[in-house]
């Protein structure tokens, strides 16, 4: 994943996902952390979710519940990693877009 080729907003969401993972003592950043931060913001994605008649508050609560089930580490010095589940789809999508 090439961070420099991402839009500013995606970079912000990724940074927010990293902060969310760190705050919740998660050893890795995954798609739940990213999704949680995307749906907190008013954007095209949340507009599409609303058009699909999905309650953002309910979706947000479900994502938050899933995040709370993730593994935790007690060491503040641990390094965060992007989960393979997060990297693989992102990489496939990125390659699809540029080819």
N, C-alpha and C. Protein backbone atom coordinates (compact mmCIF):
# COMPACT_ATOMS: atom_id res chain seq x y z
N UNK A 1 0.84 -1.16 0.00
CA UNK A 1 0.00 0.00 0.00
C UNK A 1 0.90 1.24 0.00
N UNK A 2 0.72 2.10 -0.95
CA UNK A 2 1.55 3.30 -1.05
C UNK A 2 0.78 4.48 -0.44
N UNK A 3 1.19 4.86 0.75
CA UNK A 3 0.52 5.91 1.52
C UNK A 3 0.48 7.23 0.75
N UNK A 4 1.54 7.56 0.02
CA UNK A 4 1.61 8.84 -0.68
C UNK A 4 0.61 8.95 -1.82
N UNK A 5 0.16 7.83 -2.37
CA UNK A 5 -0.78 7.85 -3.49
C UNK A 5 -2.24 7.89 -3.03
N UNK A 6 -2.46 7.85 -1.74
CA UNK A 6 -3.82 7.91 -1.20
C UNK A 6 -4.29 9.36 -1.15
N UNK A 7 -5.59 9.55 -1.20
CA UNK A 7 -6.12 10.90 -1.05
C UNK A 7 -5.86 11.37 0.38
N UNK A 8 -5.90 12.67 0.57
CA UNK A 8 -5.69 13.25 1.90
C UNK A 8 -6.70 12.69 2.89
N UNK A 9 -7.94 12.58 2.47
CA UNK A 9 -8.99 12.09 3.37
C UNK A 9 -8.75 10.64 3.77
N UNK A 10 -8.34 9.80 2.83
CA UNK A 10 -8.04 8.40 3.16
C UNK A 10 -6.85 8.33 4.11
N UNK A 11 -5.85 9.18 3.91
CA UNK A 11 -4.72 9.23 4.82
C UNK A 11 -5.19 9.62 6.23
N UNK A 12 -6.10 10.59 6.30
CA UNK A 12 -6.64 10.99 7.61
C UNK A 12 -7.39 9.85 8.27
N UNK A 13 -8.23 9.13 7.49
CA UNK A 13 -8.96 8.00 8.05
C UNK A 13 -8.00 6.90 8.52
N UNK A 14 -6.94 6.68 7.77
CA UNK A 14 -5.96 5.67 8.17
C UNK A 14 -5.25 6.09 9.45
N UNK A 15 -4.89 7.37 9.56
CA UNK A 15 -4.29 7.87 10.80
C UNK A 15 -5.26 7.77 11.97
N UNK A 16 -6.52 8.09 11.73
CA UNK A 16 -7.53 7.96 12.77
C UNK A 16 -7.71 6.51 13.19
N UNK A 17 -7.67 5.60 12.20
CA UNK A 17 -7.77 4.17 12.50
C UNK A 17 -6.60 3.73 13.37
N UNK A 18 -5.41 4.24 13.08
CA UNK A 18 -4.23 3.92 13.88
C UNK A 18 -4.43 4.42 15.32
N UNK A 19 -4.95 5.63 15.47
CA UNK A 19 -5.19 6.18 16.81
C UNK A 19 -6.25 5.38 17.56
N UNK A 20 -7.30 4.98 16.84
CA UNK A 20 -8.35 4.17 17.46
C UNK A 20 -7.77 2.83 17.94
N UNK A 21 -6.97 2.20 17.10
CA UNK A 21 -6.34 0.93 17.48
C UNK A 21 -5.45 1.11 18.70
N UNK A 22 -4.67 2.17 18.70
CA UNK A 22 -3.76 2.43 19.82
C UNK A 22 -4.55 2.70 21.11
N UNK A 23 -5.60 3.52 21.03
CA UNK A 23 -6.42 3.83 22.20
C UNK A 23 -7.07 2.59 22.79
N UNK A 24 -7.41 1.65 21.93
CA UNK A 24 -8.09 0.44 22.37
C UNK A 24 -7.12 -0.72 22.59
N UNK A 25 -5.84 -0.40 22.57
CA UNK A 25 -4.77 -1.36 22.86
C UNK A 25 -4.75 -2.55 21.91
N UNK A 26 -5.10 -2.30 20.68
CA UNK A 26 -5.08 -3.35 19.67
C UNK A 26 -3.67 -3.47 19.08
N UNK A 27 -3.19 -4.68 18.81
CA UNK A 27 -1.85 -4.84 18.24
C UNK A 27 -1.79 -4.56 16.74
N UNK A 28 -2.96 -4.45 16.11
CA UNK A 28 -2.98 -4.21 14.67
C UNK A 28 -4.13 -3.29 14.28
N UNK A 29 -3.96 -2.66 13.14
CA UNK A 29 -5.01 -1.82 12.56
C UNK A 29 -5.74 -2.68 11.54
N UNK A 30 -7.04 -2.78 11.67
CA UNK A 30 -7.76 -3.57 10.68
C UNK A 30 -8.93 -2.78 10.10
N UNK A 31 -9.69 -3.44 9.26
CA UNK A 31 -10.77 -2.77 8.55
C UNK A 31 -11.85 -2.23 9.49
N UNK A 32 -12.00 -2.81 10.67
CA UNK A 32 -12.98 -2.30 11.62
C UNK A 32 -12.58 -0.92 12.14
N UNK A 33 -11.29 -0.75 12.44
CA UNK A 33 -10.81 0.56 12.90
C UNK A 33 -11.02 1.62 11.81
N UNK A 34 -10.73 1.23 10.59
CA UNK A 34 -10.89 2.15 9.46
C UNK A 34 -12.37 2.49 9.26
N UNK A 35 -13.21 1.48 9.23
CA UNK A 35 -14.65 1.67 9.03
C UNK A 35 -15.24 2.53 10.12
N UNK A 36 -14.84 2.27 11.36
CA UNK A 36 -15.33 3.04 12.51
C UNK A 36 -15.09 4.53 12.29
N UNK A 37 -13.91 4.88 11.82
CA UNK A 37 -13.58 6.29 11.62
C UNK A 37 -14.24 6.88 10.38
N UNK A 38 -14.42 6.08 9.35
CA UNK A 38 -15.09 6.58 8.14
C UNK A 38 -16.55 6.92 8.46
N UNK A 39 -17.22 6.07 9.21
CA UNK A 39 -18.65 6.30 9.45
C UNK A 39 -18.90 7.34 10.54
N UNK A 40 -17.87 7.79 11.23
CA UNK A 40 -18.03 8.88 12.20
C UNK A 40 -18.12 10.22 11.49
N UNK A 41 -17.66 10.29 10.26
CA UNK A 41 -17.57 11.52 9.50
C UNK A 41 -18.69 11.60 8.47
N UNK A 42 -19.16 12.79 8.19
CA UNK A 42 -20.16 12.97 7.14
C UNK A 42 -19.43 12.97 5.80
N UNK A 43 -19.70 11.98 4.96
CA UNK A 43 -18.99 11.83 3.69
C UNK A 43 -19.87 11.07 2.70
N UNK A 44 -19.34 10.82 1.53
CA UNK A 44 -20.09 10.11 0.49
C UNK A 44 -20.49 8.70 0.94
N UNK A 45 -19.63 8.08 1.71
CA UNK A 45 -19.92 6.71 2.18
C UNK A 45 -21.10 6.72 3.14
N UNK A 46 -21.10 7.66 4.08
CA UNK A 46 -22.22 7.72 5.01
C UNK A 46 -23.51 8.12 4.29
N UNK A 47 -23.40 8.93 3.26
CA UNK A 47 -24.58 9.28 2.47
C UNK A 47 -25.15 8.04 1.78
N UNK A 48 -24.28 7.23 1.23
CA UNK A 48 -24.74 5.99 0.57
C UNK A 48 -25.34 5.01 1.57
N UNK A 49 -24.75 4.95 2.74
CA UNK A 49 -25.28 4.06 3.79
C UNK A 49 -26.69 4.51 4.18
N UNK A 50 -26.87 5.82 4.34
CA UNK A 50 -28.19 6.36 4.68
C UNK A 50 -29.20 6.09 3.57
N UNK A 51 -28.77 6.22 2.32
CA UNK A 51 -29.67 5.95 1.19
C UNK A 51 -30.09 4.48 1.15
N UNK A 52 -29.23 3.63 1.67
CA UNK A 52 -29.55 2.20 1.73
C UNK A 52 -30.44 1.88 2.93
N UNK A 53 -30.88 2.96 3.62
CA UNK A 53 -31.80 2.84 4.76
C UNK A 53 -31.15 2.10 5.94
N UNK A 54 -29.86 2.28 6.11
CA UNK A 54 -29.13 1.69 7.24
C UNK A 54 -28.89 2.79 8.25
N UNK A 55 -29.24 2.53 9.48
CA UNK A 55 -29.04 3.50 10.56
C UNK A 55 -27.56 3.56 10.92
N UNK A 56 -26.97 4.74 10.76
CA UNK A 56 -25.55 4.90 11.08
C UNK A 56 -25.26 4.61 12.54
N UNK A 57 -26.16 5.00 13.41
CA UNK A 57 -25.93 4.77 14.84
C UNK A 57 -25.86 3.27 15.16
N UNK A 58 -26.72 2.51 14.52
CA UNK A 58 -26.72 1.05 14.74
C UNK A 58 -25.47 0.44 14.14
N UNK A 59 -25.12 0.84 12.92
CA UNK A 59 -23.90 0.34 12.28
C UNK A 59 -22.67 0.68 13.11
N UNK A 60 -22.61 1.91 13.57
CA UNK A 60 -21.48 2.34 14.39
C UNK A 60 -21.37 1.51 15.66
N UNK A 61 -22.50 1.26 16.30
CA UNK A 61 -22.50 0.45 17.53
C UNK A 61 -22.04 -0.98 17.25
N UNK A 62 -22.47 -1.55 16.13
CA UNK A 62 -22.06 -2.90 15.78
C UNK A 62 -20.55 -2.96 15.50
N UNK A 63 -20.05 -1.97 14.79
CA UNK A 63 -18.61 -1.92 14.51
C UNK A 63 -17.84 -1.77 15.83
N UNK A 64 -18.33 -0.90 16.70
CA UNK A 64 -17.67 -0.70 17.99
C UNK A 64 -17.69 -1.98 18.82
N UNK A 65 -18.79 -2.72 18.79
CA UNK A 65 -18.87 -4.00 19.51
C UNK A 65 -17.84 -4.99 18.97
N UNK A 66 -17.69 -5.03 17.65
CA UNK A 66 -16.71 -5.94 17.06
C UNK A 66 -15.28 -5.52 17.42
N UNK A 67 -15.03 -4.22 17.45
CA UNK A 67 -13.70 -3.74 17.85
C UNK A 67 -13.40 -4.16 19.28
N UNK A 68 -14.40 -4.10 20.14
CA UNK A 68 -14.17 -4.46 21.55
C UNK A 68 -13.83 -5.94 21.72
N UNK A 69 -14.15 -6.76 20.74
CA UNK A 69 -13.85 -8.20 20.80
C UNK A 69 -12.44 -8.53 20.31
N UNK A 70 -11.76 -7.55 19.71
CA UNK A 70 -10.42 -7.79 19.16
C UNK A 70 -9.40 -8.00 20.27
N UNK A 71 -8.31 -8.68 19.92
CA UNK A 71 -7.23 -8.91 20.87
C UNK A 71 -6.66 -7.59 21.35
N UNK A 72 -6.16 -7.60 22.58
CA UNK A 72 -5.57 -6.41 23.16
C UNK A 72 -4.17 -6.72 23.68
N UNK A 73 -3.32 -5.70 23.71
CA UNK A 73 -1.99 -5.82 24.30
C UNK A 73 -1.89 -4.80 25.42
N UNK A 74 -1.12 -5.15 26.44
CA UNK A 74 -0.99 -4.25 27.59
C UNK A 74 0.21 -3.33 27.49
N UNK A 75 1.11 -3.60 26.59
CA UNK A 75 2.32 -2.80 26.46
C UNK A 75 2.08 -1.58 25.59
N UNK A 76 2.38 -0.41 26.12
CA UNK A 76 2.22 0.82 25.35
C UNK A 76 3.31 0.95 24.29
N UNK A 77 4.39 0.20 24.45
CA UNK A 77 5.53 0.30 23.53
C UNK A 77 5.37 -0.58 22.29
N UNK A 78 4.30 -1.35 22.21
CA UNK A 78 4.15 -2.26 21.07
C UNK A 78 3.90 -1.48 19.79
N UNK A 79 4.37 -2.03 18.70
CA UNK A 79 4.20 -1.41 17.38
C UNK A 79 2.91 -1.91 16.75
N UNK A 80 2.19 -1.01 16.09
CA UNK A 80 0.97 -1.38 15.39
C UNK A 80 1.29 -1.90 14.00
N UNK A 81 0.51 -2.86 13.55
CA UNK A 81 0.67 -3.42 12.21
C UNK A 81 -0.67 -3.37 11.50
N UNK A 82 -0.62 -3.24 10.17
CA UNK A 82 -1.84 -3.39 9.38
C UNK A 82 -2.13 -4.87 9.28
N UNK A 83 -3.36 -5.25 9.60
CA UNK A 83 -3.72 -6.66 9.53
C UNK A 83 -3.70 -7.14 8.09
N UNK A 84 -3.45 -8.42 7.90
CA UNK A 84 -3.42 -8.97 6.54
C UNK A 84 -4.81 -8.87 5.91
N UNK A 85 -5.87 -8.94 6.70
CA UNK A 85 -7.22 -8.79 6.19
C UNK A 85 -7.49 -7.39 5.68
N UNK A 86 -6.77 -6.44 6.20
CA UNK A 86 -6.91 -5.05 5.76
C UNK A 86 -6.05 -4.78 4.54
N UNK A 87 -4.86 -5.32 4.53
CA UNK A 87 -3.92 -5.08 3.44
C UNK A 87 -4.36 -5.75 2.15
N UNK A 88 -4.74 -7.01 2.21
CA UNK A 88 -5.03 -7.77 0.99
C UNK A 88 -6.13 -7.14 0.14
N UNK A 89 -7.32 -6.85 0.69
CA UNK A 89 -8.35 -6.23 -0.16
C UNK A 89 -7.94 -4.86 -0.66
N UNK A 90 -7.26 -4.09 0.18
CA UNK A 90 -6.82 -2.76 -0.22
C UNK A 90 -5.83 -2.84 -1.37
N UNK A 91 -4.92 -3.78 -1.29
CA UNK A 91 -3.91 -3.94 -2.33
C UNK A 91 -4.56 -4.38 -3.63
N UNK A 92 -5.49 -5.32 -3.56
CA UNK A 92 -6.19 -5.78 -4.76
C UNK A 92 -6.96 -4.62 -5.40
N UNK A 93 -7.65 -3.84 -4.57
CA UNK A 93 -8.40 -2.70 -5.09
C UNK A 93 -7.46 -1.69 -5.72
N UNK A 94 -6.34 -1.41 -5.05
CA UNK A 94 -5.36 -0.44 -5.56
C UNK A 94 -4.83 -0.90 -6.91
N UNK A 95 -4.48 -2.18 -7.03
CA UNK A 95 -3.96 -2.69 -8.30
C UNK A 95 -5.02 -2.65 -9.39
N UNK A 96 -6.27 -2.89 -9.02
CA UNK A 96 -7.36 -2.83 -9.98
C UNK A 96 -7.54 -1.41 -10.51
N UNK A 97 -7.41 -0.43 -9.63
CA UNK A 97 -7.59 0.97 -10.01
C UNK A 97 -6.47 1.45 -10.92
N UNK A 98 -5.23 1.06 -10.63
CA UNK A 98 -4.11 1.58 -11.43
C UNK A 98 -3.86 0.81 -12.71
N UNK A 99 -4.47 -0.36 -12.89
CA UNK A 99 -4.25 -1.11 -14.13
C UNK A 99 -5.39 -0.96 -15.09
